[in-house]
Amino acid sequence: MNPYILVFLGGGAGSLLRYATGRLMPATLLGTSFPTPILVVNVVASFVLGAVMGWVLSRAVGDDLRLLLGVGFCGGLSTFSSFSNDTVVLLQSNRPGAALINIGLNVSLCLLASAGGLWLGQKTA
């Protein structure tokens, strides 16, 4: 099947699931406000991507499943899954320093980008 169609279909399904989770799950944890739906989809997407990549890499199969579920579905559900997978691969490759740098850069740069985007969005509103 066309790889673009596979990514499109998987991404659409992942995005819909992320949206539905946010609408249906209360954003509380231990009685306080907490982005529980995002935490849940990030963990689920990380697990699914790990499972898909582990399955694909351990077998001589085509790229369709990786594109549909790994790139499309997990990418639509959460890009955090890709970050998590990259970090695990670095650790498994005996590169703990690179894994720590990956963690630090992803977390700090994404937080800065979110804060900057929020600031800019509030200033232009």
PDB file of N, CA and C in Angstrom:
ATOM      1  N   MET A   1       0.840  -1.178   0.000  1.00  0.00           N
ATOM      2  CA  MET A   1       0.000   0.000   0.000  1.00  0.00           C
ATOM      3  C   MET A   1       0.890   1.248   0.000  1.00  0.00           C
ATOM      4  N   ASN A   2       0.363   2.335  -0.501  1.00  0.00           N
ATOM      5  CA  ASN A   2       1.088   3.593  -0.561  1.00  0.00           C
ATOM      6  C   ASN A   2       1.478   4.042   0.844  1.00  0.00           C
ATOM      7  N   PRO A   3       2.778   4.330   1.094  1.00  0.00           N
ATOM      8  CA  PRO A   3       3.210   4.696   2.447  1.00  0.00           C
ATOM      9  C   PRO A   3       2.541   5.965   2.973  1.00  0.00           C
ATOM     10  N   TYR A   4       2.240   6.902   2.116  1.00  0.00           N
ATOM     11  CA  TYR A   4       1.587   8.136   2.557  1.00  0.00           C
ATOM     12  C   TYR A   4       0.168   7.860   3.058  1.00  0.00           C
ATOM     13  N   ILE A   5      -0.505   6.935   2.400  1.00  0.00           N
ATOM     14  CA  ILE A   5      -1.858   6.557   2.815  1.00  0.00           C
ATOM     15  C   ILE A   5      -1.806   5.858   4.173  1.00  0.00           C
ATOM     16  N   LEU A   6      -0.820   4.990   4.370  1.00  0.00           N
ATOM     17  CA  LEU A   6      -0.680   4.300   5.650  1.00  0.00           C
ATOM     18  C   LEU A   6      -0.449   5.286   6.790  1.00  0.00           C
ATOM     19  N   VAL A   7       0.452   6.240   6.606  1.00  0.00           N
ATOM     20  CA  VAL A   7       0.729   7.241   7.640  1.00  0.00           C
ATOM     21  C   VAL A   7      -0.511   8.107   7.877  1.00  0.00           C
ATOM     22  N   PHE A   8      -1.187   8.469   6.801  1.00  0.00           N
ATOM     23  CA  PHE A   8      -2.401   9.275   6.896  1.00  0.00           C
ATOM     24  C   PHE A   8      -3.481   8.569   7.712  1.00  0.00           C
ATOM     25  N   LEU A   9      -3.737   7.317   7.399  1.00  0.00           N
ATOM     26  CA  LEU A   9      -4.772   6.563   8.105  1.00  0.00           C
ATOM     27  C   LEU A   9      -4.408   6.354   9.570  1.00  0.00           C
ATOM     28  N   GLY A  10      -3.182   5.953   9.819  1.00  0.00           N
ATOM     29  CA  GLY A  10      -2.746   5.754  11.200  1.00  0.00           C
ATOM     30  C   GLY A  10      -2.760   7.053  11.988  1.00  0.00           C
ATOM     31  N   GLY A  11      -2.282   8.138  11.371  1.00  0.00           N
ATOM     32  CA  GLY A  11      -2.263   9.433  12.051  1.00  0.00           C
ATOM     33  C   GLY A  11      -3.658   9.925  12.387  1.00  0.00           C
ATOM     34  N   GLY A  12      -4.578   9.729  11.480  1.00  0.00           N
ATOM     35  CA  GLY A  12      -5.954  10.127  11.747  1.00  0.00           C
ATOM     36  C   GLY A  12      -6.544   9.365  12.928  1.00  0.00           C
ATOM     37  N   ALA A  13      -6.306   8.066  12.965  1.00  0.00           N
ATOM     38  CA  ALA A  13      -6.823   7.242  14.069  1.00  0.00           C
ATOM     39  C   ALA A  13      -6.175   7.651  15.394  1.00  0.00           C
ATOM     40  N   GLY A  14      -4.874   7.875  15.387  1.00  0.00           N
ATOM     41  CA  GLY A  14      -4.184   8.289  16.613  1.00  0.00           C
ATOM     42  C   GLY A  14      -4.667   9.641  17.111  1.00  0.00           C
ATOM     43  N   SER A  15      -4.846  10.575  16.195  1.00  0.00           N
ATOM     44  CA  SER A  15      -5.321  11.908  16.570  1.00  0.00           C
ATOM     45  C   SER A  15      -6.734  11.854  17.139  1.00  0.00           C
ATOM     46  N   LEU A  16      -7.590  11.061  16.529  1.00  0.00           N
ATOM     47  CA  LEU A  16      -8.951  10.914  17.048  1.00  0.00           C
ATOM     48  C   LEU A  16      -8.957  10.297  18.446  1.00  0.00           C
ATOM     49  N   LEU A  17      -8.105   9.308  18.663  1.00  0.00           N
ATOM     50  CA  LEU A  17      -8.033   8.685  19.978  1.00  0.00           C
ATOM     51  C   LEU A  17      -7.507   9.675  21.018  1.00  0.00           C
ATOM     52  N   ARG A  18      -6.522  10.470  20.648  1.00  0.00           N
ATOM     53  CA  ARG A  18      -6.000  11.477  21.574  1.00  0.00           C
ATOM     54  C   ARG A  18      -7.116  12.458  21.942  1.00  0.00           C
ATOM     55  N   TYR A  19      -7.860  12.923  20.960  1.00  0.00           N
ATOM     56  CA  TYR A  19      -8.954  13.860  21.201  1.00  0.00           C
ATOM     57  C   TYR A  19     -10.025  13.230  22.095  1.00  0.00           C
ATOM     58  N   ALA A  20     -10.425  12.019  21.773  1.00  0.00           N
ATOM     59  CA  ALA A  20     -11.461  11.341  22.549  1.00  0.00           C
ATOM     60  C   ALA A  20     -11.011  11.109  23.988  1.00  0.00           C
ATOM     61  N   THR A  21      -9.770  10.759  24.185  1.00  0.00           N
ATOM     62  CA  THR A  21      -9.246  10.552  25.535  1.00  0.00           C
ATOM     63  C   THR A  21      -9.334  11.840  26.336  1.00  0.00           C
ATOM     64  N   GLY A  22      -8.960  12.945  25.718  1.00  0.00           N
ATOM     65  CA  GLY A  22      -9.033  14.235  26.392  1.00  0.00           C
ATOM     66  C   GLY A  22     -10.452  14.645  26.739  1.00  0.00           C
ATOM     67  N   ARG A  23     -11.396  14.270  25.892  1.00  0.00           N
ATOM     68  CA  ARG A  23     -12.810  14.628  26.131  1.00  0.00           C
ATOM     69  C   ARG A  23     -13.471  13.714  27.158  1.00  0.00           C
ATOM     70  N   LEU A  24     -13.061  12.453  27.204  1.00  0.00           N
ATOM     71  CA  LEU A  24     -13.754  11.477  28.043  1.00  0.00           C
ATOM     72  C   LEU A  24     -13.109  11.247  29.401  1.00  0.00           C
ATOM     73  N   MET A  25     -11.826  11.525  29.535  1.00  0.00           N
ATOM     74  CA  MET A  25     -11.117  11.240  30.777  1.00  0.00           C
ATOM     75  C   MET A  25     -10.997  12.517  31.613  1.00  0.00           C
ATOM     76  N   PRO A  26     -11.322  12.432  32.884  1.00  0.00           N
ATOM     77  CA  PRO A  26     -11.174  13.627  33.717  1.00  0.00           C
ATOM     78  C   PRO A  26      -9.694  14.012  33.876  1.00  0.00           C
ATOM     79  N   ALA A  27      -9.439  15.299  33.861  1.00  0.00           N
ATOM     80  CA  ALA A  27      -8.071  15.805  33.986  1.00  0.00           C
ATOM     81  C   ALA A  27      -7.733  16.015  35.450  1.00  0.00           C
ATOM     82  N   THR A  28      -7.791  14.937  36.214  1.00  0.00           N
ATOM     83  CA  THR A  28      -7.443  15.005  37.634  1.00  0.00           C
ATOM     84  C   THR A  28      -6.590  13.803  37.997  1.00  0.00           C
ATOM     85  N   LEU A  29      -5.797  13.984  39.005  1.00  0.00           N
ATOM     86  CA  LEU A  29      -4.990  12.894  39.543  1.00  0.00           C
ATOM     87  C   LEU A  29      -4.887  13.139  41.039  1.00  0.00           C
ATOM     88  N   LEU A  30      -5.329  12.193  41.818  1.00  0.00           N
ATOM     89  CA  LEU A  30      -5.334  12.316  43.268  1.00  0.00           C
ATOM     90  C   LEU A  30      -6.088  13.561  43.727  1.00  0.00           C
ATOM     91  N   GLY A  31      -7.178  13.877  43.044  1.00  0.00           N
ATOM     92  CA  GLY A  31      -8.022  14.985  43.434  1.00  0.00           C
ATOM     93  C   GLY A  31      -7.533  16.360  43.014  1.00  0.00           C
ATOM     94  N   THR A  32      -6.455  16.446  42.280  1.00  0.00           N
ATOM     95  CA  THR A  32      -5.953  17.743  41.837  1.00  0.00           C
ATOM     96  C   THR A  32      -5.937  17.799  40.320  1.00  0.00           C
ATOM     97  N   SER A  33      -5.908  19.018  39.800  1.00  0.00           N
ATOM     98  CA  SER A  33      -5.844  19.196  38.350  1.00  0.00           C
ATOM     99  C   SER A  33      -4.508  18.681  37.834  1.00  0.00           C
ATOM    100  N   PHE A  34      -4.559  17.844  36.839  1.00  0.00           N
ATOM    101  CA  PHE A  34      -3.350  17.248  36.267  1.00  0.00           C
ATOM    102  C   PHE A  34      -3.690  16.810  34.850  1.00  0.00           C
ATOM    103  N   PRO A  35      -2.775  16.983  33.908  1.00  0.00           N
ATOM    104  CA  PRO A  35      -3.072  16.582  32.521  1.00  0.00           C
ATOM    105  C   PRO A  35      -3.061  15.062  32.336  1.00  0.00           C
ATOM    106  N   THR A  36      -3.936  14.395  33.062  1.00  0.00           N
ATOM    107  CA  THR A  36      -3.998  12.931  33.021  1.00  0.00           C
ATOM    108  C   THR A  36      -4.213  12.383  31.611  1.00  0.00           C
ATOM    109  N   PRO A  37      -5.125  12.962  30.809  1.00  0.00           N
ATOM    110  CA  PRO A  37      -5.321  12.407  29.461  1.00  0.00           C
ATOM    111  C   PRO A  37      -4.036  12.424  28.626  1.00  0.00           C
ATOM    112  N   ILE A  38      -3.264  13.488  28.722  1.00  0.00           N
ATOM    113  CA  ILE A  38      -2.017  13.563  27.957  1.00  0.00           C
ATOM    114  C   ILE A  38      -1.011  12.542  28.475  1.00  0.00           C
ATOM    115  N   LEU A  39      -0.924  12.421  29.792  1.00  0.00           N
ATOM    116  CA  LEU A  39      -0.038  11.417  30.363  1.00  0.00           C
ATOM    117  C   LEU A  39      -0.410  10.029  29.855  1.00  0.00           C
ATOM    118  N   VAL A  40      -1.709   9.739  29.857  1.00  0.00           N
ATOM    119  CA  VAL A  40      -2.180   8.420  29.415  1.00  0.00           C
ATOM    120  C   VAL A  40      -1.841   8.181  27.943  1.00  0.00           C
ATOM    121  N   VAL A  41      -2.143   9.149  27.068  1.00  0.00           N
ATOM    122  CA  VAL A  41      -1.855   8.909  25.653  1.00  0.00           C
ATOM    123  C   VAL A  41      -0.349   8.840  25.395  1.00  0.00           C
ATOM    124  N   ASN A  42       0.458   9.606  26.136  1.00  0.00           N
ATOM    125  CA  ASN A  42       1.905   9.513  25.960  1.00  0.00           C
ATOM    126  C   ASN A  42       2.424   8.135  26.346  1.00  0.00           C
ATOM    127  N   VAL A  43       1.941   7.616  27.463  1.00  0.00           N
ATOM    128  CA  VAL A  43       2.384   6.289  27.903  1.00  0.00           C
ATOM    129  C   VAL A  43       1.893   5.215  26.937  1.00  0.00           C
ATOM    130  N   VAL A  44       0.628   5.307  26.520  1.00  0.00           N
ATOM    131  CA  VAL A  44       0.085   4.319  25.578  1.00  0.00           C
ATOM    132  C   VAL A  44       0.838   4.357  24.255  1.00  0.00           C
ATOM    133  N   ALA A  45       1.064   5.555  23.727  1.00  0.00           N
ATOM    134  CA  ALA A  45       1.777   5.674  22.450  1.00  0.00           C
ATOM    135  C   ALA A  45       3.200   5.144  22.564  1.00  0.00           C
ATOM    136  N   SER A  46       3.853   5.416  23.685  1.00  0.00           N
ATOM    137  CA  SER A  46       5.213   4.906  23.891  1.00  0.00           C
ATOM    138  C   SER A  46       5.221   3.386  23.910  1.00  0.00           C
ATOM    139  N   PHE A  47       4.240   2.822  24.606  1.00  0.00           N
ATOM    140  CA  PHE A  47       4.151   1.364  24.656  1.00  0.00           C
ATOM    141  C   PHE A  47       3.880   0.777  23.276  1.00  0.00           C
ATOM    142  N   VAL A  48       2.908   1.346  22.565  1.00  0.00           N
ATOM    143  CA  VAL A  48       2.549   0.832  21.233  1.00  0.00           C
ATOM    144  C   VAL A  48       3.741   0.943  20.287  1.00  0.00           C
ATOM    145  N   LEU A  49       4.431   2.091  20.287  1.00  0.00           N
ATOM    146  CA  LEU A  49       5.577   2.246  19.398  1.00  0.00           C
ATOM    147  C   LEU A  49       6.676   1.254  19.742  1.00  0.00           C
ATOM    148  N   GLY A  50       6.946   1.081  21.040  1.00  0.00           N
ATOM    149  CA  GLY A  50       7.944   0.093  21.445  1.00  0.00           C
ATOM    150  C   GLY A  50       7.576  -1.304  20.996  1.00  0.00           C
ATOM    151  N   ALA A  51       6.302  -1.648  21.177  1.00  0.00           N
ATOM    152  CA  ALA A  51       5.843  -2.979  20.768  1.00  0.00           C
ATOM    153  C   ALA A  51       5.931  -3.157  19.260  1.00  0.00           C
ATOM    154  N   VAL A  52       5.483  -2.161  18.510  1.00  0.00           N
ATOM    155  CA  VAL A  52       5.535  -2.242  17.045  1.00  0.00           C
ATOM    156  C   VAL A  52       6.979  -2.334  16.570  1.00  0.00           C
ATOM    157  N   MET A  53       7.841  -1.465  17.093  1.00  0.00           N
ATOM    158  CA  MET A  53       9.234  -1.481  16.647  1.00  0.00           C
ATOM    159  C   MET A  53       9.924  -2.774  17.046  1.00  0.00           C
ATOM    160  N   GLY A  54       9.653  -3.245  18.253  1.00  0.00           N
ATOM    161  CA  GLY A  54      10.229  -4.525  18.667  1.00  0.00           C
ATOM    162  C   GLY A  54       9.776  -5.655  17.771  1.00  0.00           C
ATOM    163  N   TRP A  55       8.499  -5.654  17.419  1.00  0.00           N
ATOM    164  CA  TRP A  55       7.949  -6.697  16.562  1.00  0.00           C
ATOM    165  C   TRP A  55       8.537  -6.604  15.163  1.00  0.00           C
ATOM    166  N   VAL A  56       8.565  -5.404  14.603  1.00  0.00           N
ATOM    167  CA  VAL A  56       9.065  -5.212  13.236  1.00  0.00           C
ATOM    168  C   VAL A  56      10.547  -5.540  13.154  1.00  0.00           C
ATOM    169  N   LEU A  57      11.327  -5.084  14.127  1.00  0.00           N
ATOM    170  CA  LEU A  57      12.770  -5.292  14.084  1.00  0.00           C
ATOM    171  C   LEU A  57      13.169  -6.749  14.312  1.00  0.00           C
ATOM    172  N   SER A  58      12.319  -7.504  14.993  1.00  0.00           N
ATOM    173  CA  SER A  58      12.667  -8.901  15.267  1.00  0.00           C
ATOM    174  C   SER A  58      12.196  -9.850  14.174  1.00  0.00           C
ATOM    175  N   ARG A  59      11.568  -9.316  13.133  1.00  0.00           N
ATOM    176  CA  ARG A  59      11.065 -10.152  12.043  1.00  0.00           C
ATOM    177  C   ARG A  59      11.421  -9.526  10.704  1.00  0.00           C
ATOM    178  N   ALA A  60      11.490 -10.324   9.724  1.00  0.00           N
ATOM    179  CA  ALA A  60      11.747  -9.830   8.368  1.00  0.00           C
ATOM    180  C   ALA A  60      10.403  -9.527   7.718  1.00  0.00           C
ATOM    181  N   VAL A  61       9.830  -8.391   8.062  1.00  0.00           N
ATOM    182  CA  VAL A  61       8.526  -8.005   7.526  1.00  0.00           C
ATOM    183  C   VAL A  61       8.667  -6.693   6.777  1.00  0.00           C
ATOM    184  N   GLY A  62       7.663  -6.377   6.001  1.00  0.00           N
ATOM    185  CA  GLY A  62       7.662  -5.125   5.267  1.00  0.00           C
ATOM    186  C   GLY A  62       7.503  -3.934   6.205  1.00  0.00           C
ATOM    187  N   ASP A  63       7.537  -2.771   5.632  1.00  0.00           N
ATOM    188  CA  ASP A  63       7.496  -1.529   6.384  1.00  0.00           C
ATOM    189  C   ASP A  63       6.070  -1.043   6.659  1.00  0.00           C
ATOM    190  N   ASP A  64       5.055  -1.715   6.117  1.00  0.00           N
ATOM    191  CA  ASP A  64       3.679  -1.228   6.228  1.00  0.00           C
ATOM    192  C   ASP A  64       3.207  -1.071   7.673  1.00  0.00           C
ATOM    193  N   LEU A  65       3.465  -2.051   8.518  1.00  0.00           N
ATOM    194  CA  LEU A  65       3.015  -1.994   9.906  1.00  0.00           C
ATOM    195  C   LEU A  65       3.703  -0.856  10.657  1.00  0.00           C
ATOM    196  N   ARG A  66       4.987  -0.676  10.441  1.00  0.00           N
ATOM    197  CA  ARG A  66       5.720   0.412  11.092  1.00  0.00           C
ATOM    198  C   ARG A  66       5.163   1.759  10.667  1.00  0.00           C
ATOM    199  N   LEU A  67       4.860   1.912   9.379  1.00  0.00           N
ATOM    200  CA  LEU A  67       4.323   3.175   8.888  1.00  0.00           C
ATOM    201  C   LEU A  67       2.912   3.433   9.411  1.00  0.00           C
ATOM    202  N   LEU A  68       2.069   2.406   9.392  1.00  0.00           N
ATOM    203  CA  LEU A  68       0.682   2.565   9.837  1.00  0.00           C
ATOM    204  C   LEU A  68       0.604   2.830  11.342  1.00  0.00           C
ATOM    205  N   LEU A  69       1.224   1.966  12.137  1.00  0.00           N
ATOM    206  CA  LEU A  69       1.099   2.077  13.595  1.00  0.00           C
ATOM    207  C   LEU A  69       2.184   2.939  14.232  1.00  0.00           C
ATOM    208  N   GLY A  70       3.430   2.736  13.835  1.00  0.00           N
ATOM    209  CA  GLY A  70       4.529   3.474  14.461  1.00  0.00           C
ATOM    210  C   GLY A  70       4.561   4.939  14.080  1.00  0.00           C
ATOM    211  N   VAL A  71       4.661   5.218  12.796  1.00  0.00           N
ATOM    212  CA  VAL A  71       4.742   6.600  12.327  1.00  0.00           C
ATOM    213  C   VAL A  71       3.378   7.271  12.374  1.00  0.00           C
ATOM    214  N   GLY A  72       2.365   6.623  11.820  1.00  0.00           N
ATOM    215  CA  GLY A  72       1.039   7.219  11.729  1.00  0.00           C
ATOM    216  C   GLY A  72       0.303   7.270  13.050  1.00  0.00           C
ATOM    217  N   PHE A  73      -0.087   6.110  13.567  1.00  0.00           N
ATOM    218  CA  PHE A  73      -0.908   6.062  14.771  1.00  0.00           C
ATOM    219  C   PHE A  73      -0.211   6.698  15.970  1.00  0.00           C
ATOM    220  N   CYS A  74       1.012   6.272  16.259  1.00  0.00           N
ATOM    221  CA  CYS A  74       1.720   6.830  17.419  1.00  0.00           C
ATOM    222  C   CYS A  74       2.082   8.293  17.208  1.00  0.00           C
ATOM    223  N   GLY A  75       2.402   8.661  15.979  1.00  0.00           N
ATOM    224  CA  GLY A  75       2.680  10.063  15.695  1.00  0.00           C
ATOM    225  C   GLY A  75       1.451  10.928  15.875  1.00  0.00           C
ATOM    226  N   GLY A  76       0.291  10.414  15.494  1.00  0.00           N
ATOM    227  CA  GLY A  76      -0.956  11.144  15.691  1.00  0.00           C
ATOM    228  C   GLY A  76      -1.372  11.163  17.149  1.00  0.00           C
ATOM    229  N   LEU A  77      -1.123  10.079  17.832  1.00  0.00           N
ATOM    230  CA  LEU A  77      -1.490   9.984  19.243  1.00  0.00           C
ATOM    231  C   LEU A  77      -0.552  10.819  20.097  1.00  0.00           C
ATOM    232  N   SER A  78       0.740  10.737  19.832  1.00  0.00           N
ATOM    233  CA  SER A  78       1.706  11.470  20.641  1.00  0.00           C
ATOM    234  C   SER A  78       3.084  11.377  20.016  1.00  0.00           C
ATOM    235  N   THR A  79       3.738  12.500  19.853  1.00  0.00           N
ATOM    236  CA  THR A  79       5.121  12.441  19.386  1.00  0.00           C
ATOM    237  C   THR A  79       6.060  12.071  20.517  1.00  0.00           C
ATOM    238  N   PHE A  80       5.557  12.055  21.732  1.00  0.00           N
ATOM    239  CA  PHE A  80       6.370  11.642  22.871  1.00  0.00           C
ATOM    240  C   PHE A  80       6.824  10.193  22.714  1.00  0.00           C
ATOM    241  N   SER A  81       6.028   9.402  22.022  1.00  0.00           N
ATOM    242  CA  SER A  81       6.398   8.004  21.807  1.00  0.00           C
ATOM    243  C   SER A  81       7.696   7.890  21.020  1.00  0.00           C
ATOM    244  N   SER A  82       7.883   8.751  20.041  1.00  0.00           N
ATOM    245  CA  SER A  82       9.128   8.727  19.271  1.00  0.00           C
ATOM    246  C   SER A  82      10.309   9.139  20.140  1.00  0.00           C
ATOM    247  N   PHE A  83      10.123  10.162  20.953  1.00  0.00           N
ATOM    248  CA  PHE A  83      11.173  10.601  21.880  1.00  0.00           C
ATOM    249  C   PHE A  83      11.553   9.470  22.828  1.00  0.00           C
ATOM    250  N   SER A  84      10.558   8.794  23.377  1.00  0.00           N
ATOM    251  CA  SER A  84      10.823   7.687  24.298  1.00  0.00           C
ATOM    252  C   SER A  84      11.569   6.557  23.611  1.00  0.00           C
ATOM    253  N   ASN A  85      11.133   6.220  22.410  1.00  0.00           N
ATOM    254  CA  ASN A  85      11.780   5.142  21.671  1.00  0.00           C
ATOM    255  C   ASN A  85      13.234   5.487  21.349  1.00  0.00           C
ATOM    256  N   ASP A  86      13.475   6.721  20.922  1.00  0.00           N
ATOM    257  CA  ASP A  86      14.846   7.150  20.621  1.00  0.00           C
ATOM    258  C   ASP A  86      15.734   7.048  21.855  1.00  0.00           C
ATOM    259  N   THR A  87      15.216   7.433  23.004  1.00  0.00           N
ATOM    260  CA  THR A  87      15.991   7.379  24.242  1.00  0.00           C
ATOM    261  C   THR A  87      16.311   5.941  24.626  1.00  0.00           C
ATOM    262  N   VAL A  88      15.333   5.049  24.498  1.00  0.00           N
ATOM    263  CA  VAL A  88      15.563   3.629  24.809  1.00  0.00           C
ATOM    264  C   VAL A  88      16.608   3.041  23.859  1.00  0.00           C
ATOM    265  N   VAL A  89      16.531   3.388  22.583  1.00  0.00           N
ATOM    266  CA  VAL A  89      17.508   2.893  21.608  1.00  0.00           C
ATOM    267  C   VAL A  89      18.913   3.367  21.987  1.00  0.00           C
ATOM    268  N   LEU A  90      19.048   4.616  22.390  1.00  0.00           N
ATOM    269  CA  LEU A  90      20.355   5.121  22.825  1.00  0.00           C
ATOM    270  C   LEU A  90      20.860   4.349  24.040  1.00  0.00           C
ATOM    271  N   LEU A  91      19.990   4.091  24.993  1.00  0.00           N
ATOM    272  CA  LEU A  91      20.393   3.328  26.176  1.00  0.00           C
ATOM    273  C   LEU A  91      20.785   1.901  25.809  1.00  0.00           C
ATOM    274  N   GLN A  92      20.018   1.278  24.925  1.00  0.00           N
ATOM    275  CA  GLN A  92      20.335  -0.091  24.498  1.00  0.00           C
ATOM    276  C   GLN A  92      21.618  -0.139  23.676  1.00  0.00           C
ATOM    277  N   SER A  93      21.975   0.982  23.075  1.00  0.00           N
ATOM    278  CA  SER A  93      23.206   1.066  22.290  1.00  0.00           C
ATOM    279  C   SER A  93      24.399   1.457  23.166  1.00  0.00           C
ATOM    280  N   ASN A  94      24.202   1.360  24.471  1.00  0.00           N
ATOM    281  CA  ASN A  94      25.254   1.690  25.437  1.00  0.00           C
ATOM    282  C   ASN A  94      25.738   3.135  25.284  1.00  0.00           C
ATOM    283  N   ARG A  95      24.775   4.041  25.116  1.00  0.00           N
ATOM    284  CA  ARG A  95      25.065   5.468  24.974  1.00  0.00           C
ATOM    285  C   ARG A  95      24.271   6.263  26.007  1.00  0.00           C
ATOM    286  N   PRO A  96      24.547   6.013  27.302  1.00  0.00           N
ATOM    287  CA  PRO A  96      23.764   6.692  28.335  1.00  0.00           C
ATOM    288  C   PRO A  96      23.945   8.210  28.317  1.00  0.00           C
ATOM    289  N   GLY A  97      25.113   8.696  27.962  1.00  0.00           N
ATOM    290  CA  GLY A  97      25.333  10.137  27.876  1.00  0.00           C
ATOM    291  C   GLY A  97      24.452  10.774  26.816  1.00  0.00           C
ATOM    292  N   ALA A  98      24.401  10.138  25.664  1.00  0.00           N
ATOM    293  CA  ALA A  98      23.558  10.650  24.578  1.00  0.00           C
ATOM    294  C   ALA A  98      22.080  10.569  24.963  1.00  0.00           C
ATOM    295  N   ALA A  99      21.712   9.509  25.684  1.00  0.00           N
ATOM    296  CA  ALA A  99      20.323   9.381  26.139  1.00  0.00           C
ATOM    297  C   ALA A  99      19.964  10.515  27.098  1.00  0.00           C
ATOM    298  N   LEU A 100      20.867  10.829  28.021  1.00  0.00           N
ATOM    299  CA  LEU A 100      20.614  11.923  28.961  1.00  0.00           C
ATOM    300  C   LEU A 100      20.542  13.267  28.239  1.00  0.00           C
ATOM    301  N   ILE A 101      21.401  13.469  27.266  1.00  0.00           N
ATOM    302  CA  ILE A 101      21.347  14.709  26.481  1.00  0.00           C
ATOM    303  C   ILE A 101      20.027  14.777  25.723  1.00  0.00           C
ATOM    304  N   ASN A 102      19.606  13.643  25.148  1.00  0.00           N
ATOM    305  CA  ASN A 102      18.331  13.584  24.429  1.00  0.00           C
ATOM    306  C   ASN A 102      17.174  13.956  25.352  1.00  0.00           C
ATOM    307  N   ILE A 103      17.187  13.398  26.548  1.00  0.00           N
ATOM    308  CA  ILE A 103      16.135  13.703  27.520  1.00  0.00           C
ATOM    309  C   ILE A 103      16.159  15.187  27.876  1.00  0.00           C
ATOM    310  N   GLY A 104      17.337  15.672  28.223  1.00  0.00           N
ATOM    311  CA  GLY A 104      17.466  17.067  28.627  1.00  0.00           C
ATOM    312  C   GLY A 104      17.055  18.040  27.549  1.00  0.00           C
ATOM    313  N   LEU A 105      17.518  17.796  26.328  1.00  0.00           N
ATOM    314  CA  LEU A 105      17.175  18.698  25.230  1.00  0.00           C
ATOM    315  C   LEU A 105      15.694  18.639  24.876  1.00  0.00           C
ATOM    316  N   ASN A 106      15.143  17.426  24.812  1.00  0.00           N
ATOM    317  CA  ASN A 106      13.718  17.306  24.477  1.00  0.00           C
ATOM    318  C   ASN A 106      12.839  17.987  25.517  1.00  0.00           C
ATOM    319  N   VAL A 107      13.098  17.700  26.776  1.00  0.00           N
ATOM    320  CA  VAL A 107      12.259  18.273  27.824  1.00  0.00           C
ATOM    321  C   VAL A 107      12.442  19.781  27.894  1.00  0.00           C
ATOM    322  N   SER A 108      13.684  20.234  27.959  1.00  0.00           N
ATOM    323  CA  SER A 108      13.909  21.670  28.137  1.00  0.00           C
ATOM    324  C   SER A 108      13.488  22.475  26.907  1.00  0.00           C
ATOM    325  N   LEU A 109      13.849  22.019  25.713  1.00  0.00           N
ATOM    326  CA  LEU A 109      13.482  22.771  24.509  1.00  0.00           C
ATOM    327  C   LEU A 109      11.982  22.762  24.251  1.00  0.00           C
ATOM    328  N   CYS A 110      11.331  21.633  24.520  1.00  0.00           N
ATOM    329  CA  CYS A 110       9.877  21.584  24.334  1.00  0.00           C
ATOM    330  C   CYS A 110       9.164  22.468  25.352  1.00  0.00           C
ATOM    331  N   LEU A 111       9.646  22.485  26.594  1.00  0.00           N
ATOM    332  CA  LEU A 111       9.049  23.375  27.587  1.00  0.00           C
ATOM    333  C   LEU A 111       9.261  24.830  27.203  1.00  0.00           C
ATOM    334  N   LEU A 112      10.468  25.163  26.752  1.00  0.00           N
ATOM    335  CA  LEU A 112      10.737  26.537  26.320  1.00  0.00           C
ATOM    336  C   LEU A 112       9.882  26.913  25.108  1.00  0.00           C
ATOM    337  N   ALA A 113       9.759  26.000  24.155  1.00  0.00           N
ATOM    338  CA  ALA A 113       8.944  26.268  22.972  1.00  0.00           C
ATOM    339  C   ALA A 113       7.479  26.450  23.362  1.00  0.00           C
ATOM    340  N   SER A 114       6.987  25.624  24.287  1.00  0.00           N
ATOM    341  CA  SER A 114       5.604  25.764  24.748  1.00  0.00           C
ATOM    342  C   SER A 114       5.388  27.105  25.438  1.00  0.00           C
ATOM    343  N   ALA A 115       6.318  27.468  26.306  1.00  0.00           N
ATOM    344  CA  ALA A 115       6.207  28.751  27.009  1.00  0.00           C
ATOM    345  C   ALA A 115       6.299  29.913  26.025  1.00  0.00           C
ATOM    346  N   GLY A 116       7.225  29.815  25.069  1.00  0.00           N
ATOM    347  CA  GLY A 116       7.351  30.868  24.062  1.00  0.00           C
ATOM    348  C   GLY A 116       6.124  30.977  23.184  1.00  0.00           C
ATOM    349  N   GLY A 117       5.585  29.850  22.776  1.00  0.00           N
ATOM    350  CA  GLY A 117       4.365  29.850  21.964  1.00  0.00           C
ATOM    351  C   GLY A 117       3.177  30.403  22.737  1.00  0.00           C
ATOM    352  N   LEU A 118       3.071  30.019  24.015  1.00  0.00           N
ATOM    353  CA  LEU A 118       1.998  30.536  24.844  1.00  0.00           C
ATOM    354  C   LEU A 118       2.119  32.056  24.981  1.00  0.00           C
ATOM    355  N   TRP A 119       3.332  32.516  25.249  1.00  0.00           N
ATOM    356  CA  TRP A 119       3.577  33.967  25.376  1.00  0.00           C
ATOM    357  C   TRP A 119       3.235  34.676  24.084  1.00  0.00           C
ATOM    358  N   LEU A 120       3.731  34.166  22.960  1.00  0.00           N
ATOM    359  CA  LEU A 120       3.468  34.800  21.676  1.00  0.00           C
ATOM    360  C   LEU A 120       1.968  34.791  21.355  1.00  0.00           C
ATOM    361  N   GLY A 121       1.322  33.668  21.611  1.00  0.00           N
ATOM    362  CA  GLY A 121      -0.105  33.562  21.365  1.00  0.00           C
ATOM    363  C   GLY A 121      -0.908  34.547  22.199  1.00  0.00           C
ATOM    364  N   GLN A 122      -0.499  34.743  23.423  1.00  0.00           N
ATOM    365  CA  GLN A 122      -1.196  35.692  24.296  1.00  0.00           C
ATOM    366  C   GLN A 122      -0.927  37.131  23.845  1.00  0.00           C
ATOM    367  N   LYS A 123       0.258  37.401  23.326  1.00  0.00           N
ATOM    368  CA  LYS A 123       0.614  38.750  22.893  1.00  0.00           C
ATOM    369  C   LYS A 123      -0.089  39.139  21.598  1.00  0.00           C
ATOM    370  N   THR A 124      -0.355  38.155  20.738  1.00  0.00           N
ATOM    371  CA  THR A 124      -0.971  38.463  19.430  1.00  0.00           C
ATOM    372  C   THR A 124      -2.485  38.375  19.463  1.00  0.00           C
ATOM    373  N   ALA A 125      -3.038  37.945  20.595  1.00  0.00           N
ATOM    374  CA  ALA A 125      -4.502  37.795  20.696  1.00  0.00           C
ATOM    375  C   ALA A 125      -5.198  39.139  20.870  1.00  0.00           C
TER     376      ALA A 125
END
